[in-house]
C-alpha atoms as a PDB file:
ATOM      1  CA  MET A   1      -0.073  -0.020   0.013  1.00  0.00           C
ATOM      2  CA  ARG A   2       1.391   3.321  -0.981  1.00  0.00           C
ATOM      3  CA  ALA A   3       2.019   5.940   1.800  1.00  0.00           C
ATOM      4  CA  ARG A   4      -0.299   8.984   1.365  1.00  0.00           C
ATOM      5  CA  GLN A   5       1.596  11.857  -0.117  1.00  0.00           C
ATOM      6  CA  ILE A   6       1.718  15.027   1.773  1.00  0.00           C
ATOM      7  CA  GLU A   7       1.234  17.966  -0.514  1.00  0.00           C
ATOM      8  CA  GLN A   8       3.497  21.012   0.073  1.00  0.00           C
ATOM      9  CA  HIS A   9       1.658  24.196  -1.160  1.00  0.00           C
ATOM     10  CA  ARG A  10       3.302  27.533  -1.777  1.00  0.00           C
ATOM     11  CA  GLY A  11       0.976  29.464   0.295  1.00  0.00           C
ATOM     12  CA  GLU A  12       2.435  27.877   3.483  1.00  0.00           C
ATOM     13  CA  ARG A  13       5.594  29.820   2.756  1.00  0.00           C
ATOM     14  CA  VAL A  14       4.179  33.075   2.119  1.00  0.00           C
ATOM     15  CA  GLY A  15       4.995  34.424   5.779  1.00  0.00           C
ATOM     16  CA  TRP A  16       8.607  33.772   5.840  1.00  0.00           C
ATOM     17  CA  LEU A  17       9.127  33.990   2.104  1.00  0.00           C
ATOM     18  CA  ARG A  18       7.882  37.550   1.918  1.00  0.00           C
ATOM     19  CA  ALA A  19       9.921  38.788   4.997  1.00  0.00           C
ATOM     20  CA  ALA A  20      13.012  37.024   3.747  1.00  0.00           C
ATOM     21  CA  VAL A  21      12.832  38.268   0.250  1.00  0.00           C
ATOM     22  CA  LEU A  22      11.973  41.827   1.279  1.00  0.00           C
ATOM     23  CA  GLY A  23      14.904  41.851   3.746  1.00  0.00           C
ATOM     24  CA  ALA A  24      17.331  40.516   1.234  1.00  0.00           C
ATOM     25  CA  ASN A  25      16.341  42.763  -1.507  1.00  0.00           C
ATOM     26  CA  ASP A  26      16.329  45.956   0.616  1.00  0.00           C
ATOM     27  CA  GLY A  27      19.819  44.834   2.125  1.00  0.00           C
ATOM     28  CA  ILE A  28      21.173  44.571  -1.451  1.00  0.00           C
ATOM     29  CA  LEU A  29      19.600  47.705  -2.701  1.00  0.00           C
ATOM     30  CA  SER A  30      19.817  50.116   0.162  1.00  0.00           C
ATOM     31  CA  THR A  31      23.452  49.292   0.988  1.00  0.00           C
ATOM     32  CA  ALA A  32      24.670  49.274  -2.791  1.00  0.00           C
ATOM     33  CA  SER A  33      22.804  52.790  -3.288  1.00  0.00           C
ATOM     34  CA  LEU A  34      24.287  54.069   0.006  1.00  0.00           C
ATOM     35  CA  VAL A  35      27.797  53.060  -1.123  1.00  0.00           C
ATOM     36  CA  LEU A  36      27.311  54.429  -4.706  1.00  0.00           C
ATOM     37  CA  GLY A  37      26.045  57.760  -3.377  1.00  0.00           C
ATOM     38  CA  VAL A  38      28.874  58.217  -0.926  1.00  0.00           C
ATOM     39  CA  ALA A  39      31.340  57.132  -3.519  1.00  0.00           C
ATOM     40  CA  ALA A  40      29.966  59.308  -6.095  1.00  0.00           C
ATOM     41  CA  ALA A  41      30.448  62.225  -3.655  1.00  0.00           C
ATOM     42  CA  HIS A  42      34.223  61.683  -3.939  1.00  0.00           C
ATOM     43  CA  ALA A  43      34.663  60.262  -0.292  1.00  0.00           C
ATOM     44  CA  ASN A  44      37.732  58.065   0.302  1.00  0.00           C
ATOM     45  CA  HIS A  45      37.602  54.330   0.440  1.00  0.00           C
ATOM     46  CA  HIS A  46      37.502  54.119   4.064  1.00  0.00           C
ATOM     47  CA  ASN A  47      34.596  56.467   4.386  1.00  0.00           C
ATOM     48  CA  VAL A  48      32.525  54.621   1.907  1.00  0.00           C
ATOM     49  CA  VAL A  49      33.069  51.130   3.656  1.00  0.00           C
ATOM     50  CA  VAL A  50      32.180  52.859   6.849  1.00  0.00           C
ATOM     51  CA  ALA A  51      29.141  54.173   5.518  1.00  0.00           C
ATOM     52  CA  GLY A  52      28.194  50.727   4.056  1.00  0.00           C
ATOM     53  CA  VAL A  53      28.714  49.019   7.486  1.00  0.00           C
ATOM     54  CA  ALA A  54      26.529  51.626   9.174  1.00  0.00           C
ATOM     55  CA  GLY A  55      23.940  51.208   6.666  1.00  0.00           C
ATOM     56  CA  LEU A  56      23.935  47.433   7.194  1.00  0.00           C
ATOM     57  CA  VAL A  57      23.571  47.776  10.985  1.00  0.00           C
ATOM     58  CA  ALA A  58      20.960  50.448  10.887  1.00  0.00           C
ATOM     59  CA  GLY A  59      19.013  48.719   7.947  1.00  0.00           C
ATOM     60  CA  ALA A  60      18.828  45.350   9.712  1.00  0.00           C
ATOM     61  CA  MET A  61      17.567  46.880  12.925  1.00  0.00           C
ATOM     62  CA  SER A  62      15.014  48.975  10.998  1.00  0.00           C
ATOM     63  CA  MET A  63      13.757  45.994   9.093  1.00  0.00           C
ATOM     64  CA  ALA A  64      13.236  43.889  12.159  1.00  0.00           C
ATOM     65  CA  ALA A  65      11.661  46.724  14.126  1.00  0.00           C
ATOM     66  CA  GLY A  66       9.315  47.536  11.061  1.00  0.00           C
ATOM     67  CA  GLU A  67       8.311  43.977  10.569  1.00  0.00           C
ATOM     68  CA  TYR A  68       7.742  43.274  14.029  1.00  0.00           C
ATOM     69  CA  VAL A  69       5.412  46.067  14.481  1.00  0.00           C
ATOM     70  CA  SER A  70       3.655  45.615  11.244  1.00  0.00           C
ATOM     71  CA  VAL A  71       2.978  41.801  11.832  1.00  0.00           C
ATOM     72  CA  HIS A  72       2.177  42.279  15.472  1.00  0.00           C
ATOM     73  CA  SER A  73      -0.482  44.678  14.413  1.00  0.00           C
ATOM     74  CA  GLN A  74      -1.934  41.716  12.298  1.00  0.00           C
ATOM     75  CA  ALA A  75      -1.565  39.320  15.060  1.00  0.00           C
ATOM     76  CA  ASP A  76      -3.441  41.620  17.544  1.00  0.00           C
ATOM     77  CA  THR A  77      -6.319  42.002  14.996  1.00  0.00           C
ATOM     78  CA  GLU A  78      -6.486  38.198  14.777  1.00  0.00           C
ATOM     79  CA  GLN A  79      -6.512  37.666  18.470  1.00  0.00           C
ATOM     80  CA  ALA A  80      -9.118  40.348  18.785  1.00  0.00           C
ATOM     81  CA  ASP A  81     -11.247  38.604  16.092  1.00  0.00           C
ATOM     82  CA  LEU A  82     -10.823  35.250  18.032  1.00  0.00           C
ATOM     83  CA  LYS A  83     -11.751  36.727  21.343  1.00  0.00           C
ATOM     84  CA  LEU A  84     -14.895  37.967  19.712  1.00  0.00           C
ATOM     85  CA  GLU A  85     -15.719  34.634  17.952  1.00  0.00           C
ATOM     86  CA  ARG A  86     -15.201  32.893  21.361  1.00  0.00           C
ATOM     87  CA  ALA A  87     -17.889  35.063  22.961  1.00  0.00           C
ATOM     88  CA  GLU A  88     -20.345  34.599  19.973  1.00  0.00           C
ATOM     89  CA  LEU A  89     -19.804  30.764  20.396  1.00  0.00           C
ATOM     90  CA  LYS A  90     -20.603  31.142  24.085  1.00  0.00           C
ATOM     91  CA  ASP A  91     -23.584  33.407  23.727  1.00  0.00           C
ATOM     92  CA  ASP A  92     -25.289  31.970  20.717  1.00  0.00           C
ATOM     93  CA  ASN A  93     -23.985  28.634  19.834  1.00  0.00           C
ATOM     94  CA  GLN A  94     -26.895  27.577  17.511  1.00  0.00           C
ATOM     95  CA  GLY A  95     -26.698  30.963  15.756  1.00  0.00           C
ATOM     96  CA  GLU A  96     -22.826  30.237  15.006  1.00  0.00           C
ATOM     97  CA  HIS A  97     -23.960  26.738  13.557  1.00  0.00           C
ATOM     98  CA  ARG A  98     -26.222  28.383  11.181  1.00  0.00           C
ATOM     99  CA  GLU A  99     -23.689  30.906  10.327  1.00  0.00           C
ATOM    100  CA  LEU A 100     -21.082  28.297   9.461  1.00  0.00           C
ATOM    101  CA  ALA A 101     -23.569  26.282   7.528  1.00  0.00           C
ATOM    102  CA  GLU A 102     -24.598  29.288   5.411  1.00  0.00           C
ATOM    103  CA  ILE A 103     -20.905  29.613   4.585  1.00  0.00           C
ATOM    104  CA  TYR A 104     -20.634  26.225   3.252  1.00  0.00           C
ATOM    105  CA  VAL A 105     -23.926  26.793   1.413  1.00  0.00           C
ATOM    106  CA  GLY A 106     -22.366  29.841  -0.175  1.00  0.00           C
ATOM    107  CA  ARG A 107     -19.589  27.742  -1.357  1.00  0.00           C
ATOM    108  CA  GLY A 108     -21.651  25.096  -3.203  1.00  0.00           C
ATOM    109  CA  LEU A 109     -22.846  22.577  -0.662  1.00  0.00           C
ATOM    110  CA  GLU A 110     -26.461  21.493  -0.433  1.00  0.00           C
ATOM    111  CA  ARG A 111     -28.176  23.012   2.726  1.00  0.00           C
ATOM    112  CA  ALA A 112     -28.491  19.458   4.414  1.00  0.00           C
ATOM    113  CA  LEU A 113     -24.909  18.558   3.890  1.00  0.00           C
ATOM    114  CA  ALA A 114     -23.727  22.011   4.839  1.00  0.00           C
ATOM    115  CA  LYS A 115     -25.552  21.688   8.218  1.00  0.00           C
ATOM    116  CA  GLN A 116     -24.010  18.245   8.787  1.00  0.00           C
ATOM    117  CA  VAL A 117     -20.445  19.411   7.929  1.00  0.00           C
ATOM    118  CA  ALA A 118     -20.960  22.545  10.126  1.00  0.00           C
ATOM    119  CA  ASN A 119     -22.114  20.264  13.164  1.00  0.00           C
ATOM    120  CA  GLN A 120     -19.336  17.812  12.788  1.00  0.00           C
ATOM    121  CA  LEU A 121     -16.663  20.458  12.550  1.00  0.00           C
ATOM    122  CA  MET A 122     -18.008  22.644  15.240  1.00  0.00           C
ATOM    123  CA  ALA A 123     -18.309  19.360  17.415  1.00  0.00           C
ATOM    124  CA  HIS A 124     -14.471  18.755  16.759  1.00  0.00           C
ATOM    125  CA  ASN A 125     -13.348  22.286  17.280  1.00  0.00           C
ATOM    126  CA  ALA A 126     -15.803  25.096  16.949  1.00  0.00           C
ATOM    127  CA  LEU A 127     -13.465  28.078  17.346  1.00  0.00           C
ATOM    128  CA  ASP A 128     -10.909  26.462  14.781  1.00  0.00           C
ATOM    129  CA  ALA A 129     -13.705  26.036  12.206  1.00  0.00           C
ATOM    130  CA  HIS A 130     -14.981  29.510  12.506  1.00  0.00           C
ATOM    131  CA  ALA A 131     -11.376  30.955  12.476  1.00  0.00           C
ATOM    132  CA  ARG A 132     -10.746  29.324   9.294  1.00  0.00           C
ATOM    133  CA  ASP A 133     -13.754  29.305   7.381  1.00  0.00           C
ATOM    134  CA  GLU A 134     -15.420  32.712   8.611  1.00  0.00           C
ATOM    135  CA  LEU A 135     -12.347  34.644   9.709  1.00  0.00           C
ATOM    136  CA  GLY A 136      -9.677  33.259   7.142  1.00  0.00           C
ATOM    137  CA  ILE A 137      -7.273  32.558   9.840  1.00  0.00           C
ATOM    138  CA  SER A 138      -5.200  29.356   9.430  1.00  0.00           C
ATOM    139  CA  PRO A 139      -2.065  27.993  11.074  1.00  0.00           C
ATOM    140  CA  ALA A 140      -0.195  28.363   7.929  1.00  0.00           C
ATOM    141  CA  LEU A 141      -1.070  31.933   7.410  1.00  0.00           C
ATOM    142  CA  ARG A 142      -1.291  33.096  11.111  1.00  0.00           C
ATOM    143  CA  ALA A 143       0.805  36.301  11.911  1.00  0.00           C
ATOM    144  CA  ARG A 144       4.108  35.410  13.592  1.00  0.00           C
ATOM    145  CA  PRO A 145       5.931  38.747  14.581  1.00  0.00           C
ATOM    146  CA  ILE A 146       9.061  37.401  15.873  1.00  0.00           C
ATOM    147  CA  GLN A 147       9.625  34.990  13.084  1.00  0.00           C
ATOM    148  CA  ALA A 148       8.812  37.839  10.614  1.00  0.00           C
ATOM    149  CA  ALA A 149      11.339  40.102  12.511  1.00  0.00           C
ATOM    150  CA  LEU A 150      14.188  37.662  12.741  1.00  0.00           C
ATOM    151  CA  ALA A 151      13.781  36.622   9.083  1.00  0.00           C
ATOM    152  CA  SER A 152      13.661  40.130   7.758  1.00  0.00           C
ATOM    153  CA  ALA A 153      16.830  41.216   9.887  1.00  0.00           C
ATOM    154  CA  ALA A 154      18.726  38.105   9.088  1.00  0.00           C
ATOM    155  CA  SER A 155      17.895  38.357   5.165  1.00  0.00           C
ATOM    156  CA  PHE A 156      18.820  42.016   5.250  1.00  0.00           C
ATOM    157  CA  VAL A 157      22.229  41.281   6.656  1.00  0.00           C
ATOM    158  CA  VAL A 158      22.905  38.472   4.093  1.00  0.00           C
ATOM    159  CA  GLY A 159      21.640  40.889   1.372  1.00  0.00           C
ATOM    160  CA  ALA A 160      23.790  43.798   2.632  1.00  0.00           C
ATOM    161  CA  ALA A 161      26.922  41.804   2.947  1.00  0.00           C
ATOM    162  CA  MET A 162      27.033  41.107  -0.773  1.00  0.00           C
ATOM    163  CA  PRO A 163      27.462  44.814  -1.935  1.00  0.00           C
ATOM    164  CA  LEU A 164      29.687  45.523   1.130  1.00  0.00           C
ATOM    165  CA  ALA A 165      32.010  42.767   0.421  1.00  0.00           C
ATOM    166  CA  VAL A 166      32.432  43.978  -3.201  1.00  0.00           C
ATOM    167  CA  THR A 167      32.967  47.543  -1.826  1.00  0.00           C
ATOM    168  CA  ALA A 168      35.627  46.396   0.456  1.00  0.00           C
ATOM    169  CA  MET A 169      37.504  44.474  -2.262  1.00  0.00           C
ATOM    170  CA  ALA A 170      37.106  47.336  -4.928  1.00  0.00           C
ATOM    171  CA  SER A 171      38.539  50.798  -4.881  1.00  0.00           C
ATOM    172  CA  GLY A 172      39.348  53.783  -6.960  1.00  0.00           C
ATOM    173  CA  PRO A 173      37.515  54.348 -10.342  1.00  0.00           C
ATOM    174  CA  ALA A 174      36.518  50.605 -10.454  1.00  0.00           C
ATOM    175  CA  LEU A 175      34.383  50.820  -7.276  1.00  0.00           C
ATOM    176  CA  ILE A 176      31.197  52.357  -8.756  1.00  0.00           C
ATOM    177  CA  PRO A 177      30.869  50.191 -11.740  1.00  0.00           C
ATOM    178  CA  PHE A 178      32.063  47.121 -10.077  1.00  0.00           C
ATOM    179  CA  VAL A 179      29.484  47.643  -7.073  1.00  0.00           C
ATOM    180  CA  ALA A 180      26.802  48.548  -9.452  1.00  0.00           C
ATOM    181  CA  GLY A 181      27.202  45.637 -11.878  1.00  0.00           C
ATOM    182  CA  THR A 182      27.478  43.015  -9.165  1.00  0.00           C
ATOM    183  CA  SER A 183      24.670  44.244  -6.992  1.00  0.00           C
ATOM    184  CA  LEU A 184      22.165  44.253 -10.145  1.00  0.00           C
ATOM    185  CA  LEU A 185      23.364  40.673 -10.733  1.00  0.00           C
ATOM    186  CA  PHE A 186      22.579  39.953  -7.149  1.00  0.00           C
ATOM    187  CA  LEU A 187      19.160  41.466  -7.471  1.00  0.00           C
ATOM    188  CA  ALA A 188      18.494  39.499 -10.754  1.00  0.00           C
ATOM    189  CA  LEU A 189      19.342  36.331  -9.052  1.00  0.00           C
ATOM    190  CA  LEU A 190      17.285  37.131  -5.859  1.00  0.00           C
ATOM    191  CA  GLY A 191      14.361  38.130  -7.922  1.00  0.00           C
ATOM    192  CA  GLY A 192      14.493  35.041 -10.089  1.00  0.00           C
ATOM    193  CA  VAL A 193      14.823  32.740  -7.045  1.00  0.00           C
ATOM    194  CA  ALA A 194      11.724  34.412  -5.161  1.00  0.00           C
ATOM    195  CA  ALA A 195       9.636  34.314  -8.237  1.00  0.00           C
ATOM    196  CA  ARG A 196      10.482  30.697  -8.718  1.00  0.00           C
ATOM    197  CA  ALA A 197       9.769  29.835  -5.096  1.00  0.00           C
ATOM    198  CA  GLY A 198       6.500  31.592  -5.310  1.00  0.00           C
ATOM    199  CA  GLY A 199       5.248  29.731  -8.506  1.00  0.00           C
ATOM    200  CA  ALA A 200       5.846  32.687 -10.975  1.00  0.00           C
ATOM    201  CA  VAL A 201       8.153  33.055 -13.973  1.00  0.00           C
ATOM    202  CA  ALA A 202      11.724  33.538 -12.934  1.00  0.00           C
ATOM    203  CA  ALA A 203      12.748  35.831 -15.667  1.00  0.00           C
ATOM    204  CA  VAL A 204       9.939  38.224 -15.096  1.00  0.00           C
ATOM    205  CA  GLY A 205      10.835  38.509 -11.204  1.00  0.00           C
ATOM    206  CA  ALA A 206      14.543  39.059 -12.153  1.00  0.00           C
ATOM    207  CA  LEU A 207      13.689  41.864 -14.638  1.00  0.00           C
ATOM    208  CA  ARG A 208      11.250  43.490 -12.331  1.00  0.00           C
ATOM    209  CA  VAL A 209      13.667  43.654  -9.492  1.00  0.00           C
ATOM    210  CA  THR A 210      16.587  44.527 -11.548  1.00  0.00           C
ATOM    211  CA  PHE A 211      14.830  47.668 -13.233  1.00  0.00           C
ATOM    212  CA  TRP A 212      13.762  49.237  -9.883  1.00  0.00           C
ATOM    213  CA  GLY A 213      17.309  48.379  -8.378  1.00  0.00           C
ATOM    214  CA  ALA A 214      19.013  50.167 -11.312  1.00  0.00           C
ATOM    215  CA  LEU A 215      16.791  53.128 -11.027  1.00  0.00           C
ATOM    216  CA  ALA A 216      17.380  53.392  -7.301  1.00  0.00           C
ATOM    217  CA  MET A 217      21.037  53.140  -7.572  1.00  0.00           C
ATOM    218  CA  ALA A 218      21.284  55.595 -10.609  1.00  0.00           C
ATOM    219  CA  LEU A 219      19.363  58.303  -8.489  1.00  0.00           C
ATOM    220  CA  THR A 220      21.421  57.811  -5.319  1.00  0.00           C
ATOM    221  CA  ALA A 221      24.479  57.985  -7.420  1.00  0.00           C
ATOM    222  CA  GLY A 222      23.333  61.224  -9.148  1.00  0.00           C
ATOM    223  CA  VAL A 223      22.444  62.912  -5.866  1.00  0.00           C
ATOM    224  CA  GLY A 224      25.745  61.972  -4.431  1.00  0.00           C
ATOM    225  CA  ALA A 225      27.761  63.199  -7.573  1.00  0.00           C
ATOM    226  CA  LEU A 226      25.787  66.463  -7.412  1.00  0.00           C
ATOM    227  CA  PHE A 227      26.465  67.199  -3.573  1.00  0.00           C
ATOM    228  CA  GLY A 228      30.046  66.113  -4.162  1.00  0.00           C
ATOM    229  CA  THR A 229      30.344  68.561  -7.072  1.00  0.00           C
ATOM    230  CA  MET A 230      28.869  71.303  -4.973  1.00  0.00           C
ATOM    231  CA  SER A 231      31.194  70.683  -2.103  1.00  0.00           C
ATOM    232  CA  THR A 232      34.146  70.751  -4.212  1.00  0.00           C
ATOM    233  CA  GLY A 233      32.942  73.894  -5.728  1.00  0.00           C
ATOM    234  CA  ALA A 234      32.481  75.503  -2.338  1.00  0.00           C
END
């Protein structure tokens, strides 16, 4: 007898995948842009590297804090909805049976079968049934603030380390084109992998991330060059 195959759906990855991709993408892009901006302002190599390291630390903490606050707000909302649902189940259990049955009728079940399904699911775990089918809260998609914060910070550090390592190795006139070129390559690889992991076309994801990355780096370098020229003129 063949063992039952357990399907792995991409939706189960959405929480950590979103945080990891966002963190790594921001790490590469913000650090590379910062380095290019400072380098374009004619700073020396030491100052460029220091700016990159400072950007890595500040960016990682910012990503962690922002992701934690954002996801915790979602978690608070989920907990408030679950608390309300517990009270409704206690005060009007039969009404909650009818409400759940109507949800299943709306999804295509015959009314008699919908009532039977609602009764059996609520007998097993009433709150879980309403959380999943009425509120749209499931274990796979439930908000996890700490997980999201750690994933964002760690992935930002990994992403930022790439252009920073290139910056440490390159110097002089080669620094700007070398950092820009390798960072765009890193972004393209990340965009392709993220798109692939999410079930989309890798080339489209790579192109999308590369375009916005190139635009951001060009603008930052332009601002750095402008202020560097103004400082030199003064």
